[in-house]
Amino acid sequence: MTSPTGEIYRIDWLPGTDVLHGTCHCGREHTAQDPVEMWEWMLAHPQGHAIDEPRGNSS
C-alpha cells in the first residue's frame, strides 16, 4: 500500500449531461465525456496542465 500524497483530484458529473468536469490538485480544469480520458489527464500531471494552455476542454 502506498502512503498518501496529499493531492486531491476532483471529478464532478454535470447533471443532465454525459460530461465530467475535473479539477486537478494544481487547480487546472478539464472536461470530458470519457472517465478514462479524465483520469489519464489527471494522472499525467503536469503534462497538459501548463498555465499557458487553455483551461478546460470542449470535447
PDB file of N, CA and C in Angstrom:
ATOM      1  N   MET A   1       0.842  -1.177   0.000  1.00  0.00           N
ATOM      2  CA  MET A   1       0.000   0.000   0.000  1.00  0.00           C
ATOM      3  C   MET A   1       0.887   1.240   0.000  1.00  0.00           C
ATOM      4  N   THR A   2       0.477   2.251  -0.753  1.00  0.00           N
ATOM      5  CA  THR A   2       1.276   3.473  -0.832  1.00  0.00           C
ATOM      6  C   THR A   2       0.826   4.470   0.225  1.00  0.00           C
ATOM      7  N   SER A   3       1.721   5.380   0.555  1.00  0.00           N
ATOM      8  CA  SER A   3       1.366   6.409   1.537  1.00  0.00           C
ATOM      9  C   SER A   3       0.635   7.552   0.842  1.00  0.00           C
ATOM     10  N   PRO A   4      -0.219   8.270   1.544  1.00  0.00           N
ATOM     11  CA  PRO A   4      -0.979   9.360   0.946  1.00  0.00           C
ATOM     12  C   PRO A   4      -0.060  10.488   0.477  1.00  0.00           C
ATOM     13  N   THR A   5      -0.424  11.112  -0.638  1.00  0.00           N
ATOM     14  CA  THR A   5       0.390  12.193  -1.193  1.00  0.00           C
ATOM     15  C   THR A   5      -0.123  13.573  -0.808  1.00  0.00           C
ATOM     16  N   GLY A   6      -1.365  13.648  -0.347  1.00  0.00           N
ATOM     17  CA  GLY A   6      -1.948  14.941  -0.012  1.00  0.00           C
ATOM     18  C   GLY A   6      -2.535  15.645  -1.223  1.00  0.00           C
ATOM     19  N   GLU A   7      -2.446  15.004  -2.396  1.00  0.00           N
ATOM     20  CA  GLU A   7      -3.001  15.582  -3.609  1.00  0.00           C
ATOM     21  C   GLU A   7      -4.470  15.221  -3.711  1.00  0.00           C
ATOM     22  N   ILE A   8      -5.289  16.191  -4.078  1.00  0.00           N
ATOM     23  CA  ILE A   8      -6.724  15.961  -4.198  1.00  0.00           C
ATOM     24  C   ILE A   8      -7.137  16.154  -5.643  1.00  0.00           C
ATOM     25  N   TYR A   9      -7.759  15.133  -6.191  1.00  0.00           N
ATOM     26  CA  TYR A   9      -8.311  15.175  -7.541  1.00  0.00           C
ATOM     27  C   TYR A   9      -9.826  15.160  -7.390  1.00  0.00           C
ATOM     28  N   ARG A  10     -10.508  16.009  -8.152  1.00  0.00           N
ATOM     29  CA  ARG A  10     -11.967  16.079  -8.028  1.00  0.00           C
ATOM     30  C   ARG A  10     -12.586  15.929  -9.404  1.00  0.00           C
ATOM     31  N   ILE A  11     -13.555  15.038  -9.499  1.00  0.00           N
ATOM     32  CA  ILE A  11     -14.310  14.875 -10.735  1.00  0.00           C
ATOM     33  C   ILE A  11     -15.785  14.980 -10.386  1.00  0.00           C
ATOM     34  N   ASP A  12     -16.465  15.893 -11.063  1.00  0.00           N
ATOM     35  CA  ASP A  12     -17.901  16.096 -10.870  1.00  0.00           C
ATOM     36  C   ASP A  12     -18.618  15.737 -12.163  1.00  0.00           C
ATOM     37  N   TRP A  13     -19.763  15.129 -12.037  1.00  0.00           N
ATOM     38  CA  TRP A  13     -20.630  14.854 -13.171  1.00  0.00           C
ATOM     39  C   TRP A  13     -21.573  16.032 -13.303  1.00  0.00           C
ATOM     40  N   LEU A  14     -21.730  16.546 -14.514  1.00  0.00           N
ATOM     41  CA  LEU A  14     -22.647  17.654 -14.749  1.00  0.00           C
ATOM     42  C   LEU A  14     -24.029  17.063 -15.026  1.00  0.00           C
ATOM     43  N   PRO A  15     -24.963  17.173 -14.070  1.00  0.00           N
ATOM     44  CA  PRO A  15     -26.284  16.552 -14.191  1.00  0.00           C
ATOM     45  C   PRO A  15     -26.982  16.923 -15.504  1.00  0.00           C
ATOM     46  N   GLY A  16     -27.650  15.937 -16.072  1.00  0.00           N
ATOM     47  CA  GLY A  16     -28.379  16.142 -17.316  1.00  0.00           C
ATOM     48  C   GLY A  16     -27.497  16.040 -18.556  1.00  0.00           C
ATOM     49  N   THR A  17     -26.215  15.700 -18.371  1.00  0.00           N
ATOM     50  CA  THR A  17     -25.278  15.567 -19.487  1.00  0.00           C
ATOM     51  C   THR A  17     -24.459  14.300 -19.288  1.00  0.00           C
ATOM     52  N   ASP A  18     -23.619  14.021 -20.264  1.00  0.00           N
ATOM     53  CA  ASP A  18     -22.646  12.941 -20.131  1.00  0.00           C
ATOM     54  C   ASP A  18     -21.263  13.523 -19.867  1.00  0.00           C
ATOM     55  N   VAL A  19     -21.204  14.759 -19.397  1.00  0.00           N
ATOM     56  CA  VAL A  19     -19.954  15.484 -19.237  1.00  0.00           C
ATOM     57  C   VAL A  19     -19.431  15.374 -17.806  1.00  0.00           C
ATOM     58  N   LEU A  20     -18.123  15.125 -17.711  1.00  0.00           N
ATOM     59  CA  LEU A  20     -17.418  15.122 -16.431  1.00  0.00           C
ATOM     60  C   LEU A  20     -16.545  16.369 -16.379  1.00  0.00           C
ATOM     61  N   HIS A  21     -16.496  17.003 -15.222  1.00  0.00           N
ATOM     62  CA  HIS A  21     -15.660  18.186 -15.024  1.00  0.00           C
ATOM     63  C   HIS A  21     -14.654  17.844 -13.942  1.00  0.00           C
ATOM     64  N   GLY A  22     -13.378  17.897 -14.301  1.00  0.00           N
ATOM     65  CA  GLY A  22     -12.334  17.528 -13.354  1.00  0.00           C
ATOM     66  C   GLY A  22     -11.486  18.715 -12.955  1.00  0.00           C
ATOM     67  N   THR A  23     -11.041  18.695 -11.708  1.00  0.00           N
ATOM     68  CA  THR A  23     -10.112  19.700 -11.196  1.00  0.00           C
ATOM     69  C   THR A  23      -8.923  18.956 -10.593  1.00  0.00           C
ATOM     70  N   CYS A  24      -7.743  19.256 -11.106  1.00  0.00           N
ATOM     71  CA  CYS A  24      -6.509  18.642 -10.626  1.00  0.00           C
ATOM     72  C   CYS A  24      -6.075  19.313  -9.332  1.00  0.00           C
ATOM     73  N   HIS A  25      -5.185  18.659  -8.597  1.00  0.00           N
ATOM     74  CA  HIS A  25      -4.659  19.248  -7.368  1.00  0.00           C
ATOM     75  C   HIS A  25      -3.922  20.559  -7.632  1.00  0.00           C
ATOM     76  N   CYS A  26      -3.481  20.797  -8.894  1.00  0.00           N
ATOM     77  CA  CYS A  26      -2.775  22.039  -9.239  1.00  0.00           C
ATOM     78  C   CYS A  26      -3.736  23.169  -9.588  1.00  0.00           C
ATOM     79  N   GLY A  27      -5.046  22.854  -9.660  1.00  0.00           N
ATOM     80  CA  GLY A  27      -6.041  23.876  -9.939  1.00  0.00           C
ATOM     81  C   GLY A  27      -6.498  23.929 -11.387  1.00  0.00           C
ATOM     82  N   ARG A  28      -5.826  23.228 -12.294  1.00  0.00           N
ATOM     83  CA  ARG A  28      -6.236  23.206 -13.695  1.00  0.00           C
ATOM     84  C   ARG A  28      -7.529  22.418 -13.816  1.00  0.00           C
ATOM     85  N   GLU A  29      -8.348  22.781 -14.811  1.00  0.00           N
ATOM     86  CA  GLU A  29      -9.645  22.139 -15.010  1.00  0.00           C
ATOM     87  C   GLU A  29      -9.719  21.520 -16.396  1.00  0.00           C
ATOM     88  N   HIS A  30     -10.582  20.519 -16.539  1.00  0.00           N
ATOM     89  CA  HIS A  30     -10.712  19.775 -17.793  1.00  0.00           C
ATOM     90  C   HIS A  30     -12.106  19.182 -17.841  1.00  0.00           C
ATOM     91  N   THR A  31     -12.687  19.110 -19.031  1.00  0.00           N
ATOM     92  CA  THR A  31     -13.974  18.437 -19.188  1.00  0.00           C
ATOM     93  C   THR A  31     -13.819  17.326 -20.208  1.00  0.00           C
ATOM     94  N   ALA A  32     -14.555  16.251 -20.010  1.00  0.00           N
ATOM     95  CA  ALA A  32     -14.519  15.106 -20.921  1.00  0.00           C
ATOM     96  C   ALA A  32     -15.767  14.266 -20.706  1.00  0.00           C
ATOM     97  N   GLN A  33     -16.132  13.502 -21.729  1.00  0.00           N
ATOM     98  CA  GLN A  33     -17.244  12.577 -21.585  1.00  0.00           C
ATOM     99  C   GLN A  33     -16.778  11.193 -21.157  1.00  0.00           C
ATOM    100  N   ASP A  34     -15.519  10.888 -21.390  1.00  0.00           N
ATOM    101  CA  ASP A  34     -14.966   9.570 -21.090  1.00  0.00           C
ATOM    102  C   ASP A  34     -14.224   9.587 -19.758  1.00  0.00           C
ATOM    103  N   PRO A  35     -14.662   8.777 -18.792  1.00  0.00           N
ATOM    104  CA  PRO A  35     -13.990   8.761 -17.493  1.00  0.00           C
ATOM    105  C   PRO A  35     -12.523   8.343 -17.582  1.00  0.00           C
ATOM    106  N   VAL A  36     -12.190   7.447 -18.510  1.00  0.00           N
ATOM    107  CA  VAL A  36     -10.798   7.027 -18.668  1.00  0.00           C
ATOM    108  C   VAL A  36      -9.951   8.202 -19.141  1.00  0.00           C
ATOM    109  N   GLU A  37     -10.463   8.965 -20.110  1.00  0.00           N
ATOM    110  CA  GLU A  37      -9.752  10.159 -20.585  1.00  0.00           C
ATOM    111  C   GLU A  37      -9.519  11.141 -19.440  1.00  0.00           C
ATOM    112  N   MET A  38     -10.533  11.313 -18.603  1.00  0.00           N
ATOM    113  CA  MET A  38     -10.412  12.245 -17.477  1.00  0.00           C
ATOM    114  C   MET A  38      -9.305  11.809 -16.517  1.00  0.00           C
ATOM    115  N   TRP A  39      -9.299  10.525 -16.128  1.00  0.00           N
ATOM    116  CA  TRP A  39      -8.271  10.053 -15.203  1.00  0.00           C
ATOM    117  C   TRP A  39      -6.886  10.087 -15.825  1.00  0.00           C
ATOM    118  N   GLU A  40      -6.788   9.774 -17.119  1.00  0.00           N
ATOM    119  CA  GLU A  40      -5.484   9.855 -17.788  1.00  0.00           C
ATOM    120  C   GLU A  40      -4.959  11.281 -17.760  1.00  0.00           C
ATOM    121  N   TRP A  41      -5.840  12.258 -17.992  1.00  0.00           N
ATOM    122  CA  TRP A  41      -5.436  13.667 -17.952  1.00  0.00           C
ATOM    123  C   TRP A  41      -4.968  14.034 -16.548  1.00  0.00           C
ATOM    124  N   MET A  42      -5.733  13.638 -15.543  1.00  0.00           N
ATOM    125  CA  MET A  42      -5.363  13.981 -14.169  1.00  0.00           C
ATOM    126  C   MET A  42      -4.030  13.361 -13.763  1.00  0.00           C
ATOM    127  N   LEU A  43      -3.868  12.082 -14.061  1.00  0.00           N
ATOM    128  CA  LEU A  43      -2.675  11.373 -13.619  1.00  0.00           C
ATOM    129  C   LEU A  43      -1.443  11.714 -14.455  1.00  0.00           C
ATOM    130  N   ALA A  44      -1.619  12.402 -15.578  1.00  0.00           N
ATOM    131  CA  ALA A  44      -0.493  12.815 -16.411  1.00  0.00           C
ATOM    132  C   ALA A  44       0.157  14.096 -15.889  1.00  0.00           C
ATOM    133  N   HIS A  45      -0.358  14.661 -14.792  1.00  0.00           N
ATOM    134  CA  HIS A  45       0.182  15.905 -14.235  1.00  0.00           C
ATOM    135  C   HIS A  45       1.700  15.841 -14.181  1.00  0.00           C
ATOM    136  N   PRO A  46       2.431  16.835 -14.641  1.00  0.00           N
ATOM    137  CA  PRO A  46       1.992  18.158 -15.091  1.00  0.00           C
ATOM    138  C   PRO A  46       1.730  18.264 -16.592  1.00  0.00           C
ATOM    139  N   GLN A  47       1.885  17.180 -17.362  1.00  0.00           N
ATOM    140  CA  GLN A  47       1.623  17.246 -18.795  1.00  0.00           C
ATOM    141  C   GLN A  47       0.165  17.603 -19.040  1.00  0.00           C
ATOM    142  N   GLY A  48      -0.077  18.634 -19.849  1.00  0.00           N
ATOM    143  CA  GLY A  48      -1.432  19.085 -20.119  1.00  0.00           C
ATOM    144  C   GLY A  48      -1.970  20.036 -19.074  1.00  0.00           C
ATOM    145  N   HIS A  49      -1.140  20.446 -18.119  1.00  0.00           N
ATOM    146  CA  HIS A  49      -1.590  21.294 -17.028  1.00  0.00           C
ATOM    147  C   HIS A  49      -0.858  22.636 -16.982  1.00  0.00           C
ATOM    148  N   ALA A  50      -0.137  22.964 -18.030  1.00  0.00           N
ATOM    149  CA  ALA A  50       0.650  24.199 -18.036  1.00  0.00           C
ATOM    150  C   ALA A  50      -0.252  25.429 -17.981  1.00  0.00           C
ATOM    151  N   ILE A  51       0.226  26.478 -17.338  1.00  0.00           N
ATOM    152  CA  ILE A  51      -0.549  27.709 -17.173  1.00  0.00           C
ATOM    153  C   ILE A  51      -0.869  28.359 -18.513  1.00  0.00           C
ATOM    154  N   ASP A  52       0.040  28.259 -19.500  1.00  0.00           N
ATOM    155  CA  ASP A  52      -0.196  28.902 -20.781  1.00  0.00           C
ATOM    156  C   ASP A  52      -1.139  28.111 -21.685  1.00  0.00           C
ATOM    157  N   GLU A  53      -1.553  26.909 -21.267  1.00  0.00           N
ATOM    158  CA  GLU A  53      -2.512  26.131 -22.034  1.00  0.00           C
ATOM    159  C   GLU A  53      -3.921  26.547 -21.630  1.00  0.00           C
ATOM    160  N   PRO A  54      -4.853  26.550 -22.572  1.00  0.00           N
ATOM    161  CA  PRO A  54      -6.227  26.946 -22.232  1.00  0.00           C
ATOM    162  C   PRO A  54      -6.832  26.028 -21.182  1.00  0.00           C
ATOM    163  N   ARG A  55      -7.649  26.585 -20.311  1.00  0.00           N
ATOM    164  CA  ARG A  55      -8.321  25.795 -19.284  1.00  0.00           C
ATOM    165  C   ARG A  55      -9.493  25.062 -19.898  1.00  0.00           C
ATOM    166  N   GLY A  56      -9.712  23.861 -19.424  1.00  0.00           N
ATOM    167  CA  GLY A  56     -10.846  23.080 -19.877  1.00  0.00           C
ATOM    168  C   GLY A  56     -10.608  22.494 -21.256  1.00  0.00           C
ATOM    169  N   ASN A  57     -11.604  21.744 -21.711  1.00  0.00           N
ATOM    170  CA  ASN A  57     -11.537  21.078 -22.998  1.00  0.00           C
ATOM    171  C   ASN A  57     -12.974  20.941 -23.453  1.00  0.00           C
ATOM    172  N   SER A  58     -13.254  21.346 -24.665  1.00  0.00           N
ATOM    173  CA  SER A  58     -14.625  21.343 -25.136  1.00  0.00           C
ATOM    174  C   SER A  58     -15.034  20.029 -25.750  1.00  0.00           C
ATOM    175  N   SER A  59     -14.331  18.918 -25.426  1.00  0.00           N
ATOM    176  CA  SER A  59     -14.672  17.615 -26.016  1.00  0.00           C
ATOM    177  C   SER A  59     -15.992  17.096 -25.542  1.00  0.00           C
TER     178      SER A  59
END
